[in-house]
PDB file of N, CA and C in Angstrom:
ATOM      1  N   MET A   1      83.408  15.196 -20.568  1.00  0.00           N
ATOM      2  CA  MET A   1      83.203  15.421 -21.971  1.00  0.00           C
ATOM      3  C   MET A   1      82.407  16.675 -22.197  1.00  0.00           C
ATOM      4  N   PRO A   2      82.915  17.547 -23.069  1.00  0.00           N
ATOM      5  CA  PRO A   2      82.198  18.781 -23.239  1.00  0.00           C
ATOM      6  C   PRO A   2      80.934  18.594 -24.061  1.00  0.00           C
ATOM      7  N   ILE A   3      79.970  19.503 -23.853  1.00  0.00           N
ATOM      8  CA  ILE A   3      78.728  19.497 -24.579  1.00  0.00           C
ATOM      9  C   ILE A   3      78.949  20.018 -25.957  1.00  0.00           C
ATOM     10  N   ASP A   4      78.293  19.291 -26.954  1.00  0.00           N
ATOM     11  CA  ASP A   4      78.407  19.608 -28.314  1.00  0.00           C
ATOM     12  C   ASP A   4      77.885  21.133 -28.507  1.00  0.00           C
ATOM     13  N   PRO A   5      78.660  21.894 -29.362  1.00  0.00           N
ATOM     14  CA  PRO A   5      78.300  23.325 -29.509  1.00  0.00           C
ATOM     15  C   PRO A   5      76.855  23.514 -30.038  1.00  0.00           C
ATOM     16  N   GLN A   6      76.319  22.668 -30.837  1.00  0.00           N
ATOM     17  CA  GLN A   6      74.930  22.824 -31.248  1.00  0.00           C
ATOM     18  C   GLN A   6      73.970  22.582 -30.096  1.00  0.00           C
ATOM     19  N   ILE A   7      74.270  21.684 -29.252  1.00  0.00           N
ATOM     20  CA  ILE A   7      73.416  21.417 -28.038  1.00  0.00           C
ATOM     21  C   ILE A   7      73.550  22.645 -27.115  1.00  0.00           C
ATOM     22  N   GLN A   8      74.741  23.170 -26.934  1.00  0.00           N
ATOM     23  CA  GLN A   8      74.872  24.377 -26.093  1.00  0.00           C
ATOM     24  C   GLN A   8      74.067  25.551 -26.677  1.00  0.00           C
ATOM     25  N   THR A   9      74.006  25.702 -27.973  1.00  0.00           N
ATOM     26  CA  THR A   9      73.198  26.739 -28.567  1.00  0.00           C
ATOM     27  C   THR A   9      71.721  26.520 -28.289  1.00  0.00           C
ATOM     28  N   ALA A  10      71.281  25.265 -28.439  1.00  0.00           N
ATOM     29  CA  ALA A  10      69.842  24.970 -28.114  1.00  0.00           C
ATOM     30  C   ALA A  10      69.513  25.212 -26.722  1.00  0.00           C
ATOM     31  N   ILE A  11      70.430  24.853 -25.823  1.00  0.00           N
ATOM     32  CA  ILE A  11      70.129  25.081 -24.367  1.00  0.00           C
ATOM     33  C   ILE A  11      70.094  26.614 -24.061  1.00  0.00           C
ATOM     34  N   ALA A  12      70.966  27.338 -24.688  1.00  0.00           N
ATOM     35  CA  ALA A  12      71.044  28.833 -24.471  1.00  0.00           C
ATOM     36  C   ALA A  12      69.737  29.431 -24.980  1.00  0.00           C
ATOM     37  N   GLN A  13      69.259  28.981 -26.205  1.00  0.00           N
ATOM     38  CA  GLN A  13      68.053  29.532 -26.808  1.00  0.00           C
ATOM     39  C   GLN A  13      66.832  29.218 -25.854  1.00  0.00           C
ATOM     40  N   ALA A  14      66.761  27.989 -25.319  1.00  0.00           N
ATOM     41  CA  ALA A  14      65.674  27.581 -24.504  1.00  0.00           C
ATOM     42  C   ALA A  14      65.659  28.428 -23.234  1.00  0.00           C
ATOM     43  N   ARG A  15      66.836  28.658 -22.665  1.00  0.00           N
ATOM     44  CA  ARG A  15      66.894  29.469 -21.428  1.00  0.00           C
ATOM     45  C   ARG A  15      66.563  30.950 -21.690  1.00  0.00           C
ATOM     46  N   ALA A  16      66.956  31.432 -22.881  1.00  0.00           N
ATOM     47  CA  ALA A  16      66.602  32.844 -23.168  1.00  0.00           C
ATOM     48  C   ALA A  16      65.170  33.000 -23.368  1.00  0.00           C
ATOM     49  N   LEU A  17      64.435  31.997 -23.833  1.00  0.00           N
ATOM     50  CA  LEU A  17      62.979  31.984 -23.924  1.00  0.00           C
ATOM     51  C   LEU A  17      62.278  31.815 -22.560  1.00  0.00           C
ATOM     52  N   GLY A  18      63.066  31.482 -21.553  1.00  0.00           N
ATOM     53  CA  GLY A  18      62.430  31.250 -20.224  1.00  0.00           C
ATOM     54  C   GLY A  18      61.882  29.913 -20.044  1.00  0.00           C
ATOM     55  N   ALA A  19      62.328  28.943 -20.882  1.00  0.00           N
ATOM     56  CA  ALA A  19      61.898  27.565 -20.782  1.00  0.00           C
ATOM     57  C   ALA A  19      62.398  27.001 -19.444  1.00  0.00           C
ATOM     58  N   PRO A  20      61.582  26.159 -18.755  1.00  0.00           N
ATOM     59  CA  PRO A  20      62.029  25.558 -17.504  1.00  0.00           C
ATOM     60  C   PRO A  20      63.115  24.560 -17.778  1.00  0.00           C
ATOM     61  N   ARG A  21      63.936  24.303 -16.831  1.00  0.00           N
ATOM     62  CA  ARG A  21      64.962  23.297 -16.919  1.00  0.00           C
ATOM     63  C   ARG A  21      64.278  21.908 -17.028  1.00  0.00           C
ATOM     64  N   PRO A  22      64.856  20.965 -17.717  1.00  0.00           N
ATOM     65  CA  PRO A  22      64.174  19.631 -17.916  1.00  0.00           C
ATOM     66  C   PRO A  22      63.836  18.958 -16.585  1.00  0.00           C
ATOM     67  N   GLU A  23      64.633  19.073 -15.620  1.00  0.00           N
ATOM     68  CA  GLU A  23      64.301  18.369 -14.333  1.00  0.00           C
ATOM     69  C   GLU A  23      63.201  19.114 -13.609  1.00  0.00           C
ATOM     70  N   GLN A  24      62.795  20.275 -14.046  1.00  0.00           N
ATOM     71  CA  GLN A  24      61.721  20.981 -13.373  1.00  0.00           C
ATOM     72  C   GLN A  24      60.392  20.807 -14.161  1.00  0.00           C
ATOM     73  N   THR A  25      60.339  20.109 -15.209  1.00  0.00           N
ATOM     74  CA  THR A  25      59.240  19.924 -16.058  1.00  0.00           C
ATOM     75  C   THR A  25      58.556  18.595 -15.759  1.00  0.00           C
ATOM     76  N   PRO A  26      57.228  18.652 -15.459  1.00  0.00           N
ATOM     77  CA  PRO A  26      56.531  17.316 -15.233  1.00  0.00           C
ATOM     78  C   PRO A  26      56.655  16.493 -16.415  1.00  0.00           C
ATOM     79  N   ILE A  27      56.828  15.160 -16.241  1.00  0.00           N
ATOM     80  CA  ILE A  27      57.102  14.241 -17.345  1.00  0.00           C
ATOM     81  C   ILE A  27      56.108  14.222 -18.419  1.00  0.00           C
ATOM     82  N   GLU A  28      54.797  14.302 -18.078  1.00  0.00           N
ATOM     83  CA  GLU A  28      53.741  14.330 -19.093  1.00  0.00           C
ATOM     84  C   GLU A  28      53.849  15.568 -19.967  1.00  0.00           C
ATOM     85  N   THR A  29      54.173  16.671 -19.354  1.00  0.00           N
ATOM     86  CA  THR A  29      54.332  17.909 -20.104  1.00  0.00           C
ATOM     87  C   THR A  29      55.491  17.806 -21.026  1.00  0.00           C
ATOM     88  N   ALA A  30      56.619  17.199 -20.556  1.00  0.00           N
ATOM     89  CA  ALA A  30      57.819  17.025 -21.402  1.00  0.00           C
ATOM     90  C   ALA A  30      57.488  16.120 -22.565  1.00  0.00           C
ATOM     91  N   ARG A  31      56.754  15.037 -22.300  1.00  0.00           N
ATOM     92  CA  ARG A  31      56.435  14.026 -23.349  1.00  0.00           C
ATOM     93  C   ARG A  31      55.549  14.716 -24.413  1.00  0.00           C
ATOM     94  N   ARG A  32      54.581  15.454 -23.973  1.00  0.00           N
ATOM     95  CA  ARG A  32      53.636  16.096 -24.970  1.00  0.00           C
ATOM     96  C   ARG A  32      54.454  17.115 -25.793  1.00  0.00           C
ATOM     97  N   ALA A  33      55.377  17.920 -25.176  1.00  0.00           N
ATOM     98  CA  ALA A  33      56.155  18.852 -25.948  1.00  0.00           C
ATOM     99  C   ALA A  33      57.048  18.163 -26.933  1.00  0.00           C
ATOM    100  N   TYR A  34      57.688  17.046 -26.540  1.00  0.00           N
ATOM    101  CA  TYR A  34      58.525  16.299 -27.384  1.00  0.00           C
ATOM    102  C   TYR A  34      57.716  15.787 -28.633  1.00  0.00           C
ATOM    103  N   ARG A  35      56.557  15.201 -28.367  1.00  0.00           N
ATOM    104  CA  ARG A  35      55.706  14.698 -29.428  1.00  0.00           C
ATOM    105  C   ARG A  35      55.372  15.819 -30.411  1.00  0.00           C
ATOM    106  N   GLU A  36      54.965  17.004 -29.954  1.00  0.00           N
ATOM    107  CA  GLU A  36      54.662  18.057 -30.836  1.00  0.00           C
ATOM    108  C   GLU A  36      55.839  18.568 -31.585  1.00  0.00           C
ATOM    109  N   ARG A  37      56.963  18.695 -30.924  1.00  0.00           N
ATOM    110  CA  ARG A  37      58.181  19.120 -31.667  1.00  0.00           C
ATOM    111  C   ARG A  37      58.568  18.115 -32.761  1.00  0.00           C
ATOM    112  N   TYR A  38      58.479  16.845 -32.428  1.00  0.00           N
ATOM    113  CA  TYR A  38      58.797  15.747 -33.384  1.00  0.00           C
ATOM    114  C   TYR A  38      57.890  15.822 -34.579  1.00  0.00           C
ATOM    115  N   ARG A  39      56.652  15.924 -34.368  1.00  0.00           N
ATOM    116  CA  ARG A  39      55.622  16.041 -35.469  1.00  0.00           C
ATOM    117  C   ARG A  39      55.981  17.301 -36.301  1.00  0.00           C
ATOM    118  N   GLY A  40      56.356  18.349 -35.664  1.00  0.00           N
ATOM    119  CA  GLY A  40      56.637  19.560 -36.428  1.00  0.00           C
ATOM    120  C   GLY A  40      57.839  19.500 -37.334  1.00  0.00           C
ATOM    121  N   ARG A  41      58.599  18.401 -37.217  1.00  0.00           N
ATOM    122  CA  ARG A  41      59.691  18.196 -38.168  1.00  0.00           C
ATOM    123  C   ARG A  41      59.276  17.819 -39.588  1.00  0.00           C
ATOM    124  N   GLY A  42      58.018  17.483 -39.725  1.00  0.00           N
ATOM    125  CA  GLY A  42      57.498  17.272 -41.029  1.00  0.00           C
ATOM    126  C   GLY A  42      57.611  15.839 -41.644  1.00  0.00           C
ATOM    127  N   VAL A  43      57.914  14.834 -40.833  1.00  0.00           N
ATOM    128  CA  VAL A  43      57.914  13.484 -41.371  1.00  0.00           C
ATOM    129  C   VAL A  43      56.485  13.130 -41.707  1.00  0.00           C
ATOM    130  N   GLU A  44      56.143  12.986 -42.977  1.00  0.00           N
ATOM    131  CA  GLU A  44      54.787  12.680 -43.375  1.00  0.00           C
ATOM    132  C   GLU A  44      54.762  11.373 -44.114  1.00  0.00           C
ATOM    133  N   PHE A  45      53.708  10.626 -44.002  1.00  0.00           N
ATOM    134  CA  PHE A  45      53.604   9.363 -44.716  1.00  0.00           C
ATOM    135  C   PHE A  45      52.155   9.100 -44.941  1.00  0.00           C
ATOM    136  N   ALA A  46      51.845   8.789 -46.225  1.00  0.00           N
ATOM    137  CA  ALA A  46      50.445   8.579 -46.606  1.00  0.00           C
ATOM    138  C   ALA A  46      50.365   7.281 -47.396  1.00  0.00           C
ATOM    139  N   GLY A  47      51.318   6.403 -47.235  1.00  0.00           N
ATOM    140  CA  GLY A  47      51.342   5.137 -47.974  1.00  0.00           C
ATOM    141  C   GLY A  47      50.471   4.041 -47.426  1.00  0.00           C
ATOM    142  N   ASP A  48      50.633   2.882 -47.909  1.00  0.00           N
ATOM    143  CA  ASP A  48      49.755   1.741 -47.576  1.00  0.00           C
ATOM    144  C   ASP A  48      50.565   0.715 -46.798  1.00  0.00           C
ATOM    145  N   VAL A  49      51.026   1.051 -45.631  1.00  0.00           N
ATOM    146  CA  VAL A  49      51.839   0.148 -44.826  1.00  0.00           C
ATOM    147  C   VAL A  49      50.964  -0.470 -43.776  1.00  0.00           C
ATOM    148  N   LEU A  50      51.145  -1.754 -43.583  1.00  0.00           N
ATOM    149  CA  LEU A  50      50.354  -2.472 -42.517  1.00  0.00           C
ATOM    150  C   LEU A  50      51.042  -2.321 -41.183  1.00  0.00           C
ATOM    151  N   ALA A  51      50.304  -1.801 -40.231  1.00  0.00           N
ATOM    152  CA  ALA A  51      50.809  -1.572 -38.917  1.00  0.00           C
ATOM    153  C   ALA A  51      50.041  -2.493 -37.882  1.00  0.00           C
ATOM    154  N   THR A  52      50.767  -3.339 -37.127  1.00  0.00           N
ATOM    155  CA  THR A  52      50.122  -4.292 -36.287  1.00  0.00           C
ATOM    156  C   THR A  52      50.654  -4.030 -34.895  1.00  0.00           C
ATOM    157  N   GLU A  53      49.687  -3.929 -33.923  1.00  0.00           N
ATOM    158  CA  GLU A  53      50.041  -3.770 -32.529  1.00  0.00           C
ATOM    159  C   GLU A  53      50.341  -5.089 -31.949  1.00  0.00           C
ATOM    160  N   LEU A  54      51.516  -5.158 -31.169  1.00  0.00           N
ATOM    161  CA  LEU A  54      51.944  -6.399 -30.547  1.00  0.00           C
ATOM    162  C   LEU A  54      52.202  -6.218 -29.080  1.00  0.00           C
ATOM    163  N   SER A  55      52.237  -7.378 -28.389  1.00  0.00           N
ATOM    164  CA  SER A  55      52.669  -7.448 -27.016  1.00  0.00           C
ATOM    165  C   SER A  55      53.779  -8.398 -26.985  1.00  0.00           C
ATOM    166  N   ILE A  56      54.920  -7.936 -26.443  1.00  0.00           N
ATOM    167  CA  ILE A  56      56.156  -8.798 -26.399  1.00  0.00           C
ATOM    168  C   ILE A  56      56.338  -9.188 -24.889  1.00  0.00           C
ATOM    169  N   PRO A  57      56.128 -10.519 -24.581  1.00  0.00           N
ATOM    170  CA  PRO A  57      56.322 -10.937 -23.172  1.00  0.00           C
ATOM    171  C   PRO A  57      57.763 -11.052 -22.888  1.00  0.00           C
ATOM    172  N   THR A  58      58.074 -10.545 -21.674  1.00  0.00           N
ATOM    173  CA  THR A  58      59.458 -10.636 -21.127  1.00  0.00           C
ATOM    174  C   THR A  58      59.414 -11.150 -19.687  1.00  0.00           C
ATOM    175  N   SER A  59      60.507 -11.441 -19.085  1.00  0.00           N
ATOM    176  CA  SER A  59      60.471 -11.865 -17.724  1.00  0.00           C
ATOM    177  C   SER A  59      60.119 -10.751 -16.768  1.00  0.00           C
ATOM    178  N   ASP A  60      60.267  -9.475 -17.246  1.00  0.00           N
ATOM    179  CA  ASP A  60      59.789  -8.353 -16.474  1.00  0.00           C
ATOM    180  C   ASP A  60      58.478  -7.715 -16.808  1.00  0.00           C
ATOM    181  N   GLY A  61      57.701  -8.426 -17.626  1.00  0.00           N
ATOM    182  CA  GLY A  61      56.406  -7.946 -18.017  1.00  0.00           C
ATOM    183  C   GLY A  61      56.288  -7.820 -19.462  1.00  0.00           C
ATOM    184  N   VAL A  62      55.261  -7.189 -19.929  1.00  0.00           N
ATOM    185  CA  VAL A  62      54.936  -7.079 -21.386  1.00  0.00           C
ATOM    186  C   VAL A  62      55.487  -5.775 -21.932  1.00  0.00           C
ATOM    187  N   ILE A  63      56.078  -5.759 -23.109  1.00  0.00           N
ATOM    188  CA  ILE A  63      56.468  -4.574 -23.774  1.00  0.00           C
ATOM    189  C   ILE A  63      55.490  -4.387 -24.970  1.00  0.00           C
ATOM    190  N   PRO A  64      54.762  -3.253 -24.985  1.00  0.00           N
ATOM    191  CA  PRO A  64      53.933  -2.994 -26.216  1.00  0.00           C
ATOM    192  C   PRO A  64      54.826  -2.587 -27.349  1.00  0.00           C
ATOM    193  N   ALA A  65      54.430  -2.974 -28.588  1.00  0.00           N
ATOM    194  CA  ALA A  65      55.246  -2.730 -29.740  1.00  0.00           C
ATOM    195  C   ALA A  65      54.316  -2.620 -30.938  1.00  0.00           C
ATOM    196  N   TRP A  66      54.822  -2.044 -32.018  1.00  0.00           N
ATOM    197  CA  TRP A  66      54.214  -2.015 -33.306  1.00  0.00           C
ATOM    198  C   TRP A  66      55.082  -2.614 -34.291  1.00  0.00           C
ATOM    199  N   LEU A  67      54.500  -3.387 -35.258  1.00  0.00           N
ATOM    200  CA  LEU A  67      55.229  -4.004 -36.326  1.00  0.00           C
ATOM    201  C   LEU A  67      54.679  -3.401 -37.622  1.00  0.00           C
ATOM    202  N   TYR A  68      55.508  -2.788 -38.439  1.00  0.00           N
ATOM    203  CA  TYR A  68      55.242  -2.182 -39.743  1.00  0.00           C
ATOM    204  C   TYR A  68      55.753  -3.078 -40.857  1.00  0.00           C
ATOM    205  N   ALA A  69      54.859  -3.338 -41.866  1.00  0.00           N
ATOM    206  CA  ALA A  69      55.243  -4.113 -43.042  1.00  0.00           C
ATOM    207  C   ALA A  69      54.995  -3.349 -44.300  1.00  0.00           C
ATOM    208  N   PRO A  70      55.921  -3.440 -45.264  1.00  0.00           N
ATOM    209  CA  PRO A  70      55.698  -2.776 -46.521  1.00  0.00           C
ATOM    210  C   PRO A  70      54.475  -3.206 -47.209  1.00  0.00           C
ATOM    211  N   PRO A  71      53.946  -2.401 -48.103  1.00  0.00           N
ATOM    212  CA  PRO A  71      52.694  -2.703 -48.875  1.00  0.00           C
ATOM    213  C   PRO A  71      52.912  -3.966 -49.681  1.00  0.00           C
ATOM    214  N   GLY A  72      51.868  -4.772 -49.770  1.00  0.00           N
ATOM    215  CA  GLY A  72      51.846  -5.917 -50.647  1.00  0.00           C
ATOM    216  C   GLY A  72      52.635  -7.094 -50.124  1.00  0.00           C
ATOM    217  N   THR A  73      53.062  -7.086 -48.885  1.00  0.00           N
ATOM    218  CA  THR A  73      53.829  -8.212 -48.410  1.00  0.00           C
ATOM    219  C   THR A  73      52.916  -9.085 -47.504  1.00  0.00           C
ATOM    220  N   ALA A  74      53.112 -10.367 -47.666  1.00  0.00           N
ATOM    221  CA  ALA A  74      52.317 -11.355 -46.876  1.00  0.00           C
ATOM    222  C   ALA A  74      53.008 -11.580 -45.536  1.00  0.00           C
ATOM    223  N   LEU A  75      52.294 -11.932 -44.453  1.00  0.00           N
ATOM    224  CA  LEU A  75      52.908 -12.184 -43.195  1.00  0.00           C
ATOM    225  C   LEU A  75      53.958 -13.280 -43.278  1.00  0.00           C
ATOM    226  N   SER A  76      53.724 -14.228 -44.205  1.00  0.00           N
ATOM    227  CA  SER A  76      54.665 -15.354 -44.264  1.00  0.00           C
ATOM    228  C   SER A  76      55.912 -15.037 -45.073  1.00  0.00           C
ATOM    229  N   GLU A  77      55.952 -13.908 -45.736  1.00  0.00           N
ATOM    230  CA  GLU A  77      57.093 -13.527 -46.530  1.00  0.00           C
ATOM    231  C   GLU A  77      58.366 -13.147 -45.695  1.00  0.00           C
ATOM    232  N   ALA A  78      59.459 -13.745 -46.003  1.00  0.00           N
ATOM    233  CA  ALA A  78      60.627 -13.411 -45.216  1.00  0.00           C
ATOM    234  C   ALA A  78      61.215 -12.058 -45.670  1.00  0.00           C
ATOM    235  N   LEU A  79      61.428 -11.227 -44.699  1.00  0.00           N
ATOM    236  CA  LEU A  79      61.917  -9.909 -44.998  1.00  0.00           C
ATOM    237  C   LEU A  79      62.932  -9.563 -43.909  1.00  0.00           C
ATOM    238  N   PRO A  80      63.857  -8.623 -44.194  1.00  0.00           N
ATOM    239  CA  PRO A  80      64.734  -8.163 -43.128  1.00  0.00           C
ATOM    240  C   PRO A  80      63.872  -7.412 -42.031  1.00  0.00           C
ATOM    241  N   LEU A  81      64.460  -7.423 -40.816  1.00  0.00           N
ATOM    242  CA  LEU A  81      63.730  -6.781 -39.694  1.00  0.00           C
ATOM    243  C   LEU A  81      64.631  -5.620 -39.137  1.00  0.00           C
ATOM    244  N   LEU A  82      64.090  -4.437 -39.056  1.00  0.00           N
ATOM    245  CA  LEU A  82      64.772  -3.317 -38.455  1.00  0.00           C
ATOM    246  C   LEU A  82      64.082  -3.057 -37.104  1.00  0.00           C
ATOM    247  N   ILE A  83      64.792  -3.139 -36.047  1.00  0.00           N
ATOM    248  CA  ILE A  83      64.251  -2.866 -34.747  1.00  0.00           C
ATOM    249  C   ILE A  83      64.623  -1.381 -34.403  1.00  0.00           C
ATOM    250  N   TYR A  84      63.580  -0.560 -34.284  1.00  0.00           N
ATOM    251  CA  TYR A  84      63.712   0.932 -34.148  1.00  0.00           C
ATOM    252  C   TYR A  84      63.658   1.285 -32.653  1.00  0.00           C
ATOM    253  N   PHE A  85      64.791   1.576 -32.049  1.00  0.00           N
ATOM    254  CA  PHE A  85      64.811   2.098 -30.558  1.00  0.00           C
ATOM    255  C   PHE A  85      64.860   3.609 -30.811  1.00  0.00           C
ATOM    256  N   HIS A  86      63.778   4.214 -30.466  1.00  0.00           N
ATOM    257  CA  HIS A  86      63.663   5.686 -30.657  1.00  0.00           C
ATOM    258  C   HIS A  86      64.542   6.466 -29.668  1.00  0.00           C
ATOM    259  N   GLY A  87      64.692   7.753 -30.024  1.00  0.00           N
ATOM    260  CA  GLY A  87      65.413   8.654 -29.183  1.00  0.00           C
ATOM    261  C   GLY A  87      64.580   9.050 -27.949  1.00  0.00           C
ATOM    262  N   GLY A  88      65.089   9.997 -27.270  1.00  0.00           N
ATOM    263  CA  GLY A  88      64.332  10.455 -26.079  1.00  0.00           C
ATOM    264  C   GLY A  88      64.793   9.880 -24.779  1.00  0.00           C
ATOM    265  N   GLY A  89      65.915   9.184 -24.784  1.00  0.00           N
ATOM    266  CA  GLY A  89      66.481   8.606 -23.666  1.00  0.00           C
ATOM    267  C   GLY A  89      65.564   7.594 -22.884  1.00  0.00           C
ATOM    268  N   PHE A  90      64.710   6.947 -23.668  1.00  0.00           N
ATOM    269  CA  PHE A  90      63.741   5.996 -23.090  1.00  0.00           C
ATOM    270  C   PHE A  90      62.829   6.642 -22.055  1.00  0.00           C
ATOM    271  N   VAL A  91      62.700   7.995 -22.179  1.00  0.00           N
ATOM    272  CA  VAL A  91      61.759   8.760 -21.341  1.00  0.00           C
ATOM    273  C   VAL A  91      60.832   9.480 -22.167  1.00  0.00           C
ATOM    274  N   LEU A  92      61.258  10.148 -23.190  1.00  0.00           N
ATOM    275  CA  LEU A  92      60.422  10.889 -24.117  1.00  0.00           C
ATOM    276  C   LEU A  92      60.225  10.105 -25.389  1.00  0.00           C
ATOM    277  N   GLY A  93      59.220  10.486 -26.181  1.00  0.00           N
ATOM    278  CA  GLY A  93      58.993   9.844 -27.427  1.00  0.00           C
ATOM    279  C   GLY A  93      58.117   8.635 -27.199  1.00  0.00           C
ATOM    280  N   ASP A  94      57.325   8.286 -28.235  1.00  0.00           N
ATOM    281  CA  ASP A  94      56.391   7.154 -28.155  1.00  0.00           C
ATOM    282  C   ASP A  94      56.060   6.738 -29.576  1.00  0.00           C
ATOM    283  N   ALA A  95      55.242   5.643 -29.638  1.00  0.00           N
ATOM    284  CA  ALA A  95      54.915   5.070 -30.920  1.00  0.00           C
ATOM    285  C   ALA A  95      54.142   6.085 -31.777  1.00  0.00           C
ATOM    286  N   GLU A  96      53.318   6.895 -31.178  1.00  0.00           N
ATOM    287  CA  GLU A  96      52.556   7.897 -31.936  1.00  0.00           C
ATOM    288  C   GLU A  96      53.428   8.846 -32.567  1.00  0.00           C
ATOM    289  N   SER A  97      54.486   9.283 -31.833  1.00  0.00           N
ATOM    290  CA  SER A  97      55.424  10.309 -32.394  1.00  0.00           C
ATOM    291  C   SER A  97      56.206   9.771 -33.606  1.00  0.00           C
ATOM    292  N   TYR A  98      56.509   8.431 -33.588  1.00  0.00           N
ATOM    293  CA  TYR A  98      57.333   7.892 -34.625  1.00  0.00           C
ATOM    294  C   TYR A  98      56.590   7.043 -35.634  1.00  0.00           C
ATOM    295  N   ALA A  99      55.281   7.044 -35.574  1.00  0.00           N
ATOM    296  CA  ALA A  99      54.469   6.160 -36.508  1.00  0.00           C
ATOM    297  C   ALA A  99      54.789   6.460 -37.958  1.00  0.00           C
ATOM    298  N   ALA A 100      54.748   7.664 -38.419  1.00  0.00           N
ATOM    299  CA  ALA A 100      54.977   7.984 -39.788  1.00  0.00           C
ATOM    300  C   ALA A 100      56.417   7.668 -40.236  1.00  0.00           C
ATOM    301  N   GLN A 101      57.373   7.927 -39.386  1.00  0.00           N
ATOM    302  CA  GLN A 101      58.736   7.546 -39.739  1.00  0.00           C
ATOM    303  C   GLN A 101      58.949   6.122 -39.821  1.00  0.00           C
ATOM    304  N   SER A 102      58.337   5.337 -38.883  1.00  0.00           N
ATOM    305  CA  SER A 102      58.454   3.826 -38.908  1.00  0.00           C
ATOM    306  C   SER A 102      57.806   3.274 -40.212  1.00  0.00           C
ATOM    307  N   ALA A 103      56.627   3.748 -40.570  1.00  0.00           N
ATOM    308  CA  ALA A 103      55.968   3.362 -41.817  1.00  0.00           C
ATOM    309  C   ALA A 103      56.829   3.683 -43.045  1.00  0.00           C
ATOM    310  N   LEU A 104      57.371   4.915 -43.072  1.00  0.00           N
ATOM    311  CA  LEU A 104      58.186   5.293 -44.187  1.00  0.00           C
ATOM    312  C   LEU A 104      59.412   4.388 -44.327  1.00  0.00           C
ATOM    313  N   LEU A 105      60.051   3.988 -43.238  1.00  0.00           N
ATOM    314  CA  LEU A 105      61.208   3.125 -43.212  1.00  0.00           C
ATOM    315  C   LEU A 105      60.795   1.803 -43.780  1.00  0.00           C
ATOM    316  N   ALA A 106      59.689   1.278 -43.365  1.00  0.00           N
ATOM    317  CA  ALA A 106      59.229  -0.032 -43.934  1.00  0.00           C
ATOM    318  C   ALA A 106      59.029  -0.018 -45.340  1.00  0.00           C
ATOM    319  N   GLN A 107      58.302   1.029 -45.845  1.00  0.00           N
ATOM    320  CA  GLN A 107      58.048   1.149 -47.242  1.00  0.00           C
ATOM    321  C   GLN A 107      59.373   1.324 -48.099  1.00  0.00           C
ATOM    322  N   ARG A 108      60.193   2.241 -47.715  1.00  0.00           N
ATOM    323  CA  ARG A 108      61.391   2.545 -48.533  1.00  0.00           C
ATOM    324  C   ARG A 108      62.445   1.451 -48.448  1.00  0.00           C
ATOM    325  N   LEU A 109      62.622   0.845 -47.284  1.00  0.00           N
ATOM    326  CA  LEU A 109      63.618  -0.162 -47.102  1.00  0.00           C
ATOM    327  C   LEU A 109      63.137  -1.540 -47.505  1.00  0.00           C
ATOM    328  N   ARG A 110      61.840  -1.703 -47.762  1.00  0.00           N
ATOM    329  CA  ARG A 110      61.227  -3.000 -47.983  1.00  0.00           C
ATOM    330  C   ARG A 110      61.576  -4.013 -46.954  1.00  0.00           C
ATOM    331  N   CYS A 111      61.340  -3.620 -45.713  1.00  0.00           N
ATOM    332  CA  CYS A 111      61.590  -4.478 -44.555  1.00  0.00           C
ATOM    333  C   CYS A 111      60.504  -4.305 -43.531  1.00  0.00           C
ATOM    334  N   ARG A 112      60.469  -5.166 -42.532  1.00  0.00           N
ATOM    335  CA  ARG A 112      59.573  -4.944 -41.429  1.00  0.00           C
ATOM    336  C   ARG A 112      60.266  -4.096 -40.430  1.00  0.00           C
ATOM    337  N   VAL A 113      59.511  -3.189 -39.746  1.00  0.00           N
ATOM    338  CA  VAL A 113      60.093  -2.333 -38.704  1.00  0.00           C
ATOM    339  C   VAL A 113      59.385  -2.680 -37.399  1.00  0.00           C
ATOM    340  N   LEU A 114      60.138  -3.059 -36.420  1.00  0.00           N
ATOM    341  CA  LEU A 114      59.552  -3.280 -35.133  1.00  0.00           C
ATOM    342  C   LEU A 114      59.880  -2.141 -34.177  1.00  0.00           C
ATOM    343  N   PHE A 115      58.851  -1.562 -33.638  1.00  0.00           N
ATOM    344  CA  PHE A 115      58.992  -0.380 -32.799  1.00  0.00           C
ATOM    345  C   PHE A 115      58.500  -0.749 -31.380  1.00  0.00           C
ATOM    346  N   PRO A 116      59.510  -1.158 -30.526  1.00  0.00           N
ATOM    347  CA  PRO A 116      59.086  -1.457 -29.096  1.00  0.00           C
ATOM    348  C   PRO A 116      58.916  -0.138 -28.430  1.00  0.00           C
ATOM    349  N   GLU A 117      57.845  -0.082 -27.615  1.00  0.00           N
ATOM    350  CA  GLU A 117      57.590   1.207 -26.870  1.00  0.00           C
ATOM    351  C   GLU A 117      58.039   1.060 -25.439  1.00  0.00           C
ATOM    352  N   PHE A 118      59.273   1.438 -25.251  1.00  0.00           N
ATOM    353  CA  PHE A 118      59.813   1.429 -23.911  1.00  0.00           C
ATOM    354  C   PHE A 118      59.441   2.636 -23.154  1.00  0.00           C
TER     355      PHE A 118
END
């Protein structure tokens, strides 16, 4: 399958700037760069959303997660649930990078947003 032309352009621009190939970048460096680029996209949120840190037990261990609820909702109130699996190929991206976006979704969609941190 050919690479999308927009992705080809992004790769060419990164190489022209002398950026290292992804497989040559230490993972923590790549994660930090991803977080900074994502924040730079300008998703901002200053609302009153309740964010609760959770631990989801599984047969393979515990998955940390965040649950966002729209303002003014009680824990007992039945609401739709959106489970947000972030981008980054389950390698890059984290709850900190997507916190504002998760909160904004909870508020605008009037639903709970569960953000598992894989």
